[in-house]
N, C-alpha and C. Protein backbone atom coordinates (compact mmCIF):
# COMPACT_ATOMS: atom_id res chain seq x y z
N MET A 1 -17.11 8.76 -6.18
CA MET A 1 -16.67 8.44 -5.07
C MET A 1 -17.13 6.93 -4.61
N PRO A 2 -16.69 6.53 -4.32
CA PRO A 2 -16.13 5.12 -3.66
C PRO A 2 -17.03 4.86 -2.65
N ARG A 3 -18.26 4.16 -2.83
CA ARG A 3 -19.28 3.92 -1.59
C ARG A 3 -18.79 2.83 -0.11
N ARG A 4 -17.64 1.78 -0.59
CA ARG A 4 -16.99 0.61 -0.02
C ARG A 4 -15.51 0.95 -0.42
N VAL A 5 -14.36 0.83 0.85
CA VAL A 5 -13.63 1.36 0.89
C VAL A 5 -12.23 0.40 1.59
N LEU A 6 -11.99 -0.40 1.44
CA LEU A 6 -10.72 -1.34 2.20
C LEU A 6 -9.21 -0.84 2.58
N GLU A 7 -8.89 -0.53 4.26
CA GLU A 7 -7.84 0.14 3.80
C GLU A 7 -7.13 -0.92 4.42
N VAL A 8 -5.95 -1.54 4.29
CA VAL A 8 -5.21 -2.18 4.63
C VAL A 8 -3.57 -1.56 5.54
N GLY A 9 -3.46 -1.77 6.56
CA GLY A 9 -2.47 -2.06 7.23
C GLY A 9 -2.56 -0.73 7.91
N CYS A 10 -3.97 0.16 8.44
CA CYS A 10 -4.93 1.28 9.06
C CYS A 10 -3.78 2.20 10.28
N GLY A 11 -2.81 0.72 10.62
CA GLY A 11 -1.81 1.51 12.02
C GLY A 11 -3.44 1.85 12.83
N ARG A 12 -2.90 3.52 13.25
CA ARG A 12 -4.23 3.75 14.93
C ARG A 12 -5.12 4.34 14.13
N GLY A 13 -5.85 4.03 12.41
CA GLY A 13 -6.56 4.11 11.90
C GLY A 13 -7.39 6.27 11.43
N GLU A 14 -5.87 6.81 11.19
CA GLU A 14 -6.37 8.57 11.19
C GLU A 14 -7.11 8.27 10.10
N PHE A 15 -6.44 7.22 8.68
CA PHE A 15 -7.09 8.01 7.49
C PHE A 15 -8.53 7.11 7.81
N ALA A 16 -8.20 6.08 7.52
CA ALA A 16 -9.63 5.47 7.83
C ALA A 16 -10.21 6.32 8.64
N GLU A 17 -11.12 6.76 10.05
CA GLU A 17 -11.10 7.67 10.05
C GLU A 17 -11.76 8.97 9.28
N ARG A 18 -11.11 9.18 8.93
CA ARG A 18 -11.42 10.58 7.42
C ARG A 18 -12.05 10.08 6.42
N LEU A 19 -12.22 9.21 5.91
CA LEU A 19 -12.33 8.25 5.25
C LEU A 19 -14.20 8.61 4.75
N ALA A 20 -14.86 7.43 6.61
CA ALA A 20 -15.67 7.79 7.43
C ALA A 20 -16.30 8.64 8.05
N GLY A 21 -15.43 9.76 8.22
CA GLY A 21 -15.70 11.10 8.05
C GLY A 21 -16.43 11.74 7.41
N ALA A 22 -16.33 11.34 5.87
CA ALA A 22 -16.77 11.31 4.30
C ALA A 22 -17.45 11.23 4.16
N GLY A 23 -17.68 10.60 4.64
CA GLY A 23 -19.59 9.74 4.62
C GLY A 23 -19.04 8.54 4.22
N ILE A 24 -17.91 7.58 3.61
CA ILE A 24 -17.24 6.58 2.94
C ILE A 24 -17.41 5.70 3.97
N GLY A 25 -18.29 4.75 3.23
CA GLY A 25 -17.76 2.88 3.99
C GLY A 25 -16.44 2.61 4.37
N VAL A 26 -15.72 2.52 4.91
CA VAL A 26 -14.48 1.81 5.58
C VAL A 26 -14.42 0.84 6.17
N VAL A 27 -13.78 -0.19 5.74
CA VAL A 27 -12.84 -0.92 6.67
C VAL A 27 -11.74 -1.22 6.74
N ALA A 28 -11.45 -1.11 7.73
CA ALA A 28 -9.45 -1.12 8.24
C ALA A 28 -8.97 -2.48 8.73
N VAL A 29 -8.05 -2.70 8.07
CA VAL A 29 -7.59 -4.05 8.66
C VAL A 29 -6.06 -4.06 8.96
N ASP A 30 -5.67 -4.41 10.04
CA ASP A 30 -4.10 -4.28 10.65
C ASP A 30 -3.97 -6.25 11.07
N GLN A 31 -2.40 -6.21 11.00
CA GLN A 31 -1.83 -7.46 11.45
C GLN A 31 -1.60 -7.08 13.36
N SER A 32 -1.69 -5.94 13.53
CA SER A 32 -1.71 -5.67 15.02
C SER A 32 -2.77 -5.24 15.52
N ALA A 33 -3.21 -6.50 16.79
CA ALA A 33 -4.05 -6.13 17.67
C ALA A 33 -4.57 -4.68 18.13
N ARG A 34 -2.96 -4.03 18.63
CA ARG A 34 -2.72 -3.17 19.63
C ARG A 34 -4.12 -1.66 18.10
N MET A 35 -3.20 -2.21 16.96
CA MET A 35 -3.56 -0.84 16.09
C MET A 35 -5.10 -1.14 15.72
N VAL A 36 -5.68 -2.56 15.63
CA VAL A 36 -6.41 -2.57 15.59
C VAL A 36 -7.41 -1.89 16.69
N GLU A 37 -6.92 -2.36 17.66
CA GLU A 37 -7.70 -1.61 18.68
C GLU A 37 -7.93 -0.42 19.08
N LEU A 38 -6.98 0.77 18.55
CA LEU A 38 -6.95 1.93 18.47
C LEU A 38 -7.53 2.65 17.22
N THR A 39 -7.96 1.48 15.79
CA THR A 39 -8.81 2.30 14.65
C THR A 39 -10.67 2.29 15.52
N ARG A 40 -10.45 1.11 16.23
CA ARG A 40 -11.60 0.95 16.15
C ARG A 40 -12.51 1.84 17.09
N ALA A 41 -11.55 2.68 18.64
CA ALA A 41 -11.74 3.48 19.46
C ALA A 41 -11.75 4.37 18.22
N ARG A 42 -11.27 4.99 16.71
CA ARG A 42 -12.13 6.11 16.80
C ARG A 42 -13.35 5.81 16.31
N GLY A 43 -14.31 5.00 15.76
CA GLY A 43 -14.75 4.59 15.74
C GLY A 43 -15.78 4.14 14.02
N VAL A 44 -14.48 3.23 13.85
CA VAL A 44 -14.30 3.03 12.28
C VAL A 44 -13.87 1.01 13.08
N ASP A 45 -14.72 0.56 11.73
CA ASP A 45 -15.03 -1.38 11.73
C ASP A 45 -13.32 -1.40 11.05
N ALA A 46 -13.07 -1.66 11.92
CA ALA A 46 -11.83 -2.68 12.32
C ALA A 46 -11.37 -4.27 12.60
N ARG A 47 -10.79 -4.68 11.84
CA ARG A 47 -10.70 -6.34 11.86
C ARG A 47 -8.90 -6.15 12.29
N LEU A 48 -8.60 -7.65 12.68
CA LEU A 48 -7.22 -8.17 12.61
C LEU A 48 -7.17 -8.90 11.32
N GLY A 49 -5.78 -8.47 10.18
CA GLY A 49 -6.60 -9.52 9.40
C GLY A 49 -4.66 -9.25 8.80
N ASP A 50 -4.42 -9.64 7.69
CA ASP A 50 -3.44 -9.74 6.80
C ASP A 50 -3.63 -9.70 5.67
N VAL A 51 -2.69 -8.58 4.42
CA VAL A 51 -3.10 -8.46 3.22
C VAL A 51 -2.92 -9.41 3.05
N GLN A 52 -1.98 -10.68 2.95
CA GLN A 52 -1.92 -11.67 1.93
C GLN A 52 -2.79 -13.19 2.48
N ALA A 53 -3.94 -11.96 2.90
CA ALA A 53 -5.03 -13.80 3.25
C ALA A 53 -5.88 -12.40 3.58
N LEU A 54 -6.89 -11.90 2.54
CA LEU A 54 -8.03 -11.35 3.31
C LEU A 54 -9.17 -11.67 3.12
N PRO A 55 -9.46 -11.52 4.26
CA PRO A 55 -11.10 -12.37 4.83
C PRO A 55 -12.32 -11.61 4.06
N PHE A 56 -12.36 -11.27 3.29
CA PHE A 56 -13.56 -10.76 2.31
C PHE A 56 -13.82 -11.79 1.09
N ALA A 57 -14.55 -11.14 0.50
CA ALA A 57 -15.93 -11.84 -0.93
C ALA A 57 -14.76 -11.21 -1.89
N ASP A 58 -15.10 -12.28 -2.93
CA ASP A 58 -14.55 -12.10 -4.24
C ASP A 58 -15.02 -10.08 -4.45
N GLY A 59 -14.91 -8.74 -4.77
CA GLY A 59 -15.80 -7.61 -5.44
C GLY A 59 -16.49 -7.12 -4.79
N GLU A 60 -15.75 -7.45 -3.38
CA GLU A 60 -16.58 -6.33 -2.52
C GLU A 60 -16.38 -5.15 -1.94
N PHE A 61 -15.34 -4.48 -2.31
CA PHE A 61 -15.16 -3.03 -2.05
C PHE A 61 -14.74 -2.07 -3.21
N ASP A 62 -14.89 -1.26 -3.85
CA ASP A 62 -14.74 -0.18 -4.97
C ASP A 62 -13.28 0.28 -4.79
N ALA A 63 -12.89 1.34 -3.36
CA ALA A 63 -11.42 0.92 -3.80
C ALA A 63 -10.93 0.37 -2.70
N ALA A 64 -9.47 0.34 -2.45
CA ALA A 64 -8.83 -0.20 -1.39
C ALA A 64 -7.46 0.52 -1.55
N VAL A 65 -6.92 1.31 -0.07
CA VAL A 65 -5.96 2.04 0.25
C VAL A 65 -4.79 1.64 1.03
N ALA A 66 -3.56 1.06 0.36
CA ALA A 66 -2.62 1.32 1.25
C ALA A 66 -1.00 1.54 1.57
N ASN A 67 -1.45 2.31 2.79
CA ASN A 67 -0.97 3.75 2.86
C ASN A 67 0.51 2.79 3.43
N PHE A 68 2.03 3.46 2.65
CA PHE A 68 3.04 3.02 3.94
C PHE A 68 3.27 1.67 4.22
N VAL A 69 2.60 0.43 3.52
CA VAL A 69 2.06 -0.58 4.29
C VAL A 69 2.88 -2.06 3.31
N LEU A 70 2.95 -1.15 2.02
CA LEU A 70 3.65 -2.98 1.13
C LEU A 70 4.72 -2.94 1.18
N TYR A 71 5.78 -2.03 1.73
CA TYR A 71 7.54 -2.82 1.86
C TYR A 71 7.24 -3.59 3.16
N HIS A 72 6.90 -3.78 3.69
CA HIS A 72 6.35 -4.63 5.54
C HIS A 72 5.75 -5.93 4.49
N VAL A 73 4.93 -6.33 3.73
CA VAL A 73 4.72 -7.40 3.08
C VAL A 73 5.83 -8.47 2.60
N ARG A 74 5.42 -10.08 3.28
CA ARG A 74 6.63 -10.89 3.21
C ARG A 74 6.19 -11.40 1.67
N ASP A 75 5.30 -11.09 0.95
CA ASP A 75 5.25 -12.19 -0.33
C ASP A 75 3.88 -10.95 -0.74
N ILE A 76 5.09 -9.46 -2.11
CA ILE A 76 4.06 -9.14 -2.54
C ILE A 76 3.13 -9.47 -3.47
N HIS A 77 3.35 -10.66 -4.19
CA HIS A 77 2.65 -11.09 -5.32
C HIS A 77 1.27 -11.63 -4.85
N ARG A 78 1.52 -12.18 -3.58
CA ARG A 78 0.51 -12.31 -2.72
C ARG A 78 -0.50 -11.37 -2.76
N ALA A 79 -0.16 -11.00 -1.89
CA ALA A 79 -0.34 -9.56 -1.59
C ALA A 79 -1.18 -8.64 -2.62
N LEU A 80 -0.76 -7.99 -3.87
CA LEU A 80 -1.67 -7.32 -4.74
C LEU A 80 -2.70 -8.24 -5.22
N ALA A 81 -2.53 -9.90 -5.13
CA ALA A 81 -3.43 -10.33 -5.87
C ALA A 81 -4.63 -10.69 -4.49
N GLU A 82 -4.89 -10.67 -3.54
CA GLU A 82 -5.27 -10.48 -2.74
C GLU A 82 -6.20 -8.99 -2.81
N LEU A 83 -5.66 -8.12 -2.85
CA LEU A 83 -5.87 -7.06 -2.77
C LEU A 83 -7.21 -6.44 -4.53
N ALA A 84 -6.53 -7.20 -5.43
CA ALA A 84 -7.46 -7.35 -6.82
C ALA A 84 -8.79 -8.70 -6.72
N ARG A 85 -8.11 -9.19 -6.06
CA ARG A 85 -9.63 -10.30 -5.36
C ARG A 85 -10.35 -9.15 -5.01
N VAL A 86 -10.15 -8.96 -4.18
CA VAL A 86 -11.25 -8.22 -3.07
C VAL A 86 -11.99 -6.74 -3.36
N LEU A 87 -10.84 -6.30 -4.80
CA LEU A 87 -11.86 -4.97 -5.88
C LEU A 87 -13.01 -5.70 -6.51
N ARG A 88 -13.97 -4.85 -6.79
CA ARG A 88 -15.16 -5.07 -7.91
C ARG A 88 -14.14 -5.14 -9.16
N PRO A 89 -14.61 -5.83 -9.99
CA PRO A 89 -13.91 -4.73 -11.62
C PRO A 89 -14.31 -3.45 -12.11
N GLY A 90 -13.06 -3.12 -12.27
CA GLY A 90 -12.92 -2.10 -12.62
C GLY A 90 -12.75 -0.79 -11.33
N GLY A 91 -12.23 -1.56 -9.46
CA GLY A 91 -12.81 -0.94 -8.52
C GLY A 91 -10.98 -0.36 -8.45
N THR A 92 -10.60 0.59 -7.98
CA THR A 92 -9.49 1.39 -7.58
C THR A 92 -8.01 1.04 -6.15
N LEU A 93 -7.14 0.59 -7.01
CA LEU A 93 -5.76 0.50 -5.23
C LEU A 93 -5.42 1.75 -5.71
N VAL A 94 -5.11 2.84 -4.65
CA VAL A 94 -4.40 3.75 -4.47
C VAL A 94 -3.42 3.43 -3.11
N ALA A 95 -1.78 3.13 -3.91
CA ALA A 95 -1.05 2.42 -2.62
C ALA A 95 0.03 3.95 -2.85
N ALA A 96 1.00 4.22 -1.47
CA ALA A 96 2.20 5.13 -1.57
C ALA A 96 3.06 4.18 -1.04
N THR A 97 3.48 4.53 -1.09
CA THR A 97 5.23 3.14 -0.71
C THR A 97 6.53 4.56 -0.75
N ASN A 98 7.25 4.08 0.40
CA ASN A 98 8.78 5.52 -0.02
C ASN A 98 9.91 4.66 -1.79
N GLY A 99 10.45 5.60 -2.22
CA GLY A 99 10.86 5.66 -3.00
C GLY A 99 12.07 5.07 -2.88
N VAL A 100 13.13 4.88 -4.05
CA VAL A 100 13.97 4.50 -3.78
C VAL A 100 15.41 5.54 -3.71
N ARG A 101 15.04 6.76 -3.84
CA ARG A 101 15.46 8.29 -3.22
C ARG A 101 14.70 8.80 -2.22
N GLN A 102 14.06 8.21 -1.34
CA GLN A 102 13.40 9.02 -0.24
C GLN A 102 14.48 9.01 0.10
N LEU A 103 14.62 10.57 1.02
CA LEU A 103 14.86 11.37 1.91
C LEU A 103 16.48 11.62 1.10
N ALA A 104 16.44 11.95 0.29
CA ALA A 104 18.22 11.58 -0.59
C ALA A 104 18.37 13.47 -0.88
N GLU A 105 17.58 14.60 -0.35
CA GLU A 105 17.99 15.58 -0.34
C GLU A 105 18.94 15.65 0.68
N LEU A 106 18.16 14.73 2.11
CA LEU A 106 18.85 15.19 3.89
C LEU A 106 19.81 13.87 3.58
N TRP A 107 20.12 13.12 3.56
CA TRP A 107 21.33 12.12 3.44
C TRP A 107 22.21 12.63 2.83
N GLU A 108 21.92 13.14 0.97
CA GLU A 108 22.88 14.12 0.80
C GLU A 108 23.18 15.05 0.98
N LEU A 109 22.70 16.25 2.43
CA LEU A 109 23.16 16.87 3.38
C LEU A 109 23.91 16.78 4.35
N VAL A 110 23.60 15.74 4.56
CA VAL A 110 25.08 14.48 5.24
C VAL A 110 25.93 14.02 4.93
N GLY A 111 26.22 14.26 3.74
CA GLY A 111 27.13 13.31 2.93
C GLY A 111 27.27 12.05 3.26
N ARG A 112 25.93 11.62 3.07
CA ARG A 112 25.82 10.16 3.24
C ARG A 112 25.60 9.50 1.17
N ASP A 113 26.14 8.71 0.81
CA ASP A 113 26.86 8.98 -0.86
C ASP A 113 26.14 7.67 -1.02
N LEU A 114 24.33 7.66 -1.53
CA LEU A 114 23.28 7.14 -1.83
C LEU A 114 23.64 6.22 -3.59
N SER A 115 24.92 6.43 -4.55
CA SER A 115 24.76 5.49 -5.65
C SER A 115 24.71 4.24 -5.66
N GLU A 116 25.45 3.59 -4.43
CA GLU A 116 25.37 2.22 -4.59
C GLU A 116 24.16 1.79 -3.81
N ARG A 117 22.88 2.62 -3.83
CA ARG A 117 21.70 1.49 -3.10
C ARG A 117 21.10 2.08 -4.63
N ARG A 118 21.29 2.98 -5.09
CA ARG A 118 20.03 3.54 -6.17
C ARG A 118 20.52 2.26 -7.32
N ARG A 119 22.10 1.68 -7.68
CA ARG A 119 22.57 0.44 -8.27
C ARG A 119 21.59 -0.82 -7.54
N GLN A 120 21.75 -0.67 -6.24
CA GLN A 120 20.84 -2.20 -6.32
C GLN A 120 19.53 -2.39 -6.42
N GLY A 121 18.70 -1.09 -6.15
CA GLY A 121 17.39 0.20 -6.50
C GLY A 121 16.90 -0.47 -5.08
N ARG A 122 18.01 0.11 -3.98
CA ARG A 122 17.45 0.00 -2.55
C ARG A 122 16.78 1.64 -2.23
N SER A 123 16.37 1.85 -0.94
CA SER A 123 15.87 2.83 -0.71
C SER A 123 16.93 2.48 0.54
N CYS A 124 17.32 4.32 1.26
CA CYS A 124 18.22 4.13 2.28
C CYS A 124 17.37 3.69 3.77
N CYS A 125 16.37 3.21 3.10
CA CYS A 125 16.11 1.94 4.54
C CYS A 125 15.54 0.73 4.18
N ALA A 126 15.75 0.01 2.85
CA ALA A 126 15.62 -1.33 2.88
C ALA A 126 15.97 -1.70 3.91
N ARG A 127 16.73 -1.88 4.52
CA ARG A 127 17.45 -2.41 6.40
C ARG A 127 16.55 -2.42 6.78
N THR A 128 15.70 -1.68 7.08
CA THR A 128 14.48 -2.32 7.84
C THR A 128 13.82 -3.28 7.46
N SER A 129 13.16 -3.65 6.09
CA SER A 129 12.46 -4.67 5.87
C SER A 129 13.22 -5.50 4.23
N PRO A 130 13.56 -6.57 4.69
CA PRO A 130 13.76 -7.16 3.08
C PRO A 130 12.74 -6.92 2.23
N ALA A 131 10.95 -6.92 2.29
CA ALA A 131 10.45 -6.65 1.30
C ALA A 131 10.69 -4.97 0.83
N PHE A 132 10.84 -4.83 1.76
CA PHE A 132 11.42 -2.94 0.84
C PHE A 132 11.97 -3.41 -0.37
N ALA A 133 13.27 -3.68 -0.72
CA ALA A 133 14.30 -3.75 -1.20
C ALA A 133 13.29 -4.38 -2.71
N ARG A 134 12.50 -5.11 -1.74
CA ARG A 134 12.49 -5.46 -3.78
C ARG A 134 11.02 -5.39 -4.11
N SER A 135 10.50 -4.30 -3.46
CA SER A 135 9.60 -3.45 -4.22
C SER A 135 9.87 -1.92 -4.81
N ALA A 136 11.11 -1.52 -4.05
CA ALA A 136 11.60 -0.09 -3.96
C ALA A 136 11.20 0.34 -5.35
N SER A 137 11.51 -0.07 -5.48
CA SER A 137 12.00 0.20 -7.80
C SER A 137 10.52 -0.17 -8.26
N THR A 138 10.07 1.21 -9.14
CA THR A 138 9.52 1.16 -9.75
C THR A 138 8.26 0.65 -10.96
N GLU A 139 9.34 0.93 -11.39
CA GLU A 139 9.79 -0.68 -12.60
C GLU A 139 9.50 -2.02 -12.41
N ARG A 140 10.03 -2.29 -11.44
CA ARG A 140 9.45 -3.64 -11.00
C ARG A 140 8.41 -4.12 -10.17
N SER A 141 7.52 -2.49 -10.08
CA SER A 141 6.74 -2.65 -8.53
C SER A 141 5.48 -2.91 -10.60
N SER A 142 5.75 -1.76 -10.79
CA SER A 142 4.88 -2.21 -12.02
C SER A 142 5.02 -3.13 -13.14
N SER A 143 5.51 -3.96 -12.72
CA SER A 143 6.14 -5.38 -14.04
C SER A 143 5.08 -6.02 -12.54
N ARG A 144 5.05 -5.54 -11.06
CA ARG A 144 4.17 -6.64 -10.41
C ARG A 144 2.55 -6.44 -10.13
N ALA A 145 2.09 -5.29 -10.59
CA ALA A 145 1.11 -4.52 -10.54
C ALA A 145 0.25 -5.77 -12.29
N ARG A 146 1.00 -5.77 -13.59
CA ARG A 146 0.48 -6.23 -14.19
C ARG A 146 0.57 -7.37 -14.14
N ARG A 147 1.63 -8.28 -13.86
CA ARG A 147 1.47 -9.01 -13.52
C ARG A 147 0.13 -10.02 -12.35
N CYS A 148 0.17 -8.79 -11.44
CA CYS A 148 -2.12 -9.25 -10.54
C CYS A 148 -2.42 -8.90 -11.54
N GLY A 149 -2.56 -8.33 -12.68
CA GLY A 149 -4.09 -7.70 -13.40
C GLY A 149 -4.20 -6.54 -12.85
N THR A 150 -2.85 -6.03 -13.16
CA THR A 150 -3.54 -4.00 -12.92
C THR A 150 -2.67 -3.31 -13.76
N THR A 151 -3.07 -2.28 -13.73
CA THR A 151 -2.19 -0.78 -13.98
C THR A 151 -1.22 0.03 -13.73
N SER A 152 -0.51 0.57 -14.38
CA SER A 152 -0.10 1.78 -12.97
C SER A 152 -0.07 2.33 -13.54
N ARG A 153 0.77 3.49 -12.73
CA ARG A 153 0.50 5.21 -13.27
C ARG A 153 1.24 5.89 -11.82
N THR A 154 2.66 6.14 -12.75
CA THR A 154 2.97 6.81 -11.13
C THR A 154 3.63 7.78 -11.35
N ARG A 155 3.32 8.83 -10.55
CA ARG A 155 3.71 9.98 -10.04
C ARG A 155 4.92 10.44 -8.46
N SER A 156 5.98 10.88 -8.78
CA SER A 156 6.85 10.31 -8.11
C SER A 156 6.78 12.48 -7.34
N GLY A 157 7.02 12.77 -6.28
CA GLY A 157 6.90 13.40 -5.27
C GLY A 157 8.24 13.80 -4.86
N ILE A 158 8.96 14.34 -3.13
CA ILE A 158 10.31 13.96 -3.40
C ILE A 158 10.20 12.59 -2.31
N GLY A 159 11.06 11.97 -3.18
CA GLY A 159 11.19 11.13 -2.23
C GLY A 159 10.37 9.66 -2.03
N THR A 160 9.03 10.59 -2.37
CA THR A 160 8.16 9.25 -2.75
C THR A 160 6.98 9.64 -4.14
N SER A 161 7.09 7.93 -4.11
CA SER A 161 6.04 7.14 -5.16
C SER A 161 4.28 7.22 -5.00
N ARG A 162 3.92 7.66 -5.96
CA ARG A 162 2.46 6.83 -5.91
C ARG A 162 2.57 6.05 -6.53
N ARG A 163 2.05 5.19 -6.60
CA ARG A 163 0.90 4.76 -8.18
C ARG A 163 -0.69 4.35 -7.87
N ARG A 164 -1.51 4.48 -8.30
CA ARG A 164 -2.84 4.71 -9.06
C ARG A 164 -3.32 3.36 -9.75
N CYS A 165 -3.84 2.17 -8.98
CA CYS A 165 -3.79 1.01 -10.20
C CYS A 165 -4.94 0.91 -10.12
N ARG A 166 -5.43 0.29 -11.79
CA ARG A 166 -6.61 0.56 -11.66
C ARG A 166 -6.94 -1.30 -12.04
N ILE A 167 -7.75 -2.67 -11.22
CA ILE A 167 -7.87 -3.64 -10.94
C ILE A 167 -8.66 -3.58 -12.81
N SER A 168 -8.23 -4.41 -13.71
CA SER A 168 -9.15 -4.56 -15.20
C SER A 168 -9.77 -5.45 -14.37
N ALA A 169 -11.22 -5.52 -15.31
CA ALA A 169 -12.15 -6.33 -15.52
C ALA A 169 -12.57 -7.24 -15.31
N ALA A 170 -10.90 -7.94 -16.73
CA ALA A 170 -11.34 -9.28 -16.45
C ALA A 170 -10.17 -10.08 -15.63
N ARG A 171 -10.84 -10.88 -14.73
CA ARG A 171 -9.41 -11.76 -13.63
C ARG A 171 -8.97 -13.07 -14.01
């Protein structure tokens, strides 16, 4: 079990609070001062910051969590490199993000044709964030992970891709 975990894009801090409740040392980071305030109100060490420029030393964390945040990031390569930097050698990055077929069953029930979005490697929600279209494809995200010194395994649920990346010891 990891002793020290970084959560980026912590939102209101629900997940970080659960980690802390399990006896894990957690630091939560968000770009929104309001989200940091709400996370601190839960008793979690929360800090204002950006995943593209993390204010931590190299190798400071055993694990990092990015729950539904990476598709909001302008420079995904830089964000992944920063996450790799703050993880100790052999550390774990757990990232959850929307997949290309996110909510596909629902869209098909209401008669929406997703074939055009699938050809472009985009999700139903891609219009909400330009970065989302760049990070939606599993193959492209795996390629990004390899370039940033990680490997990835993907497990897909209904409409959600989850990648568990092991940061390589060689940096």
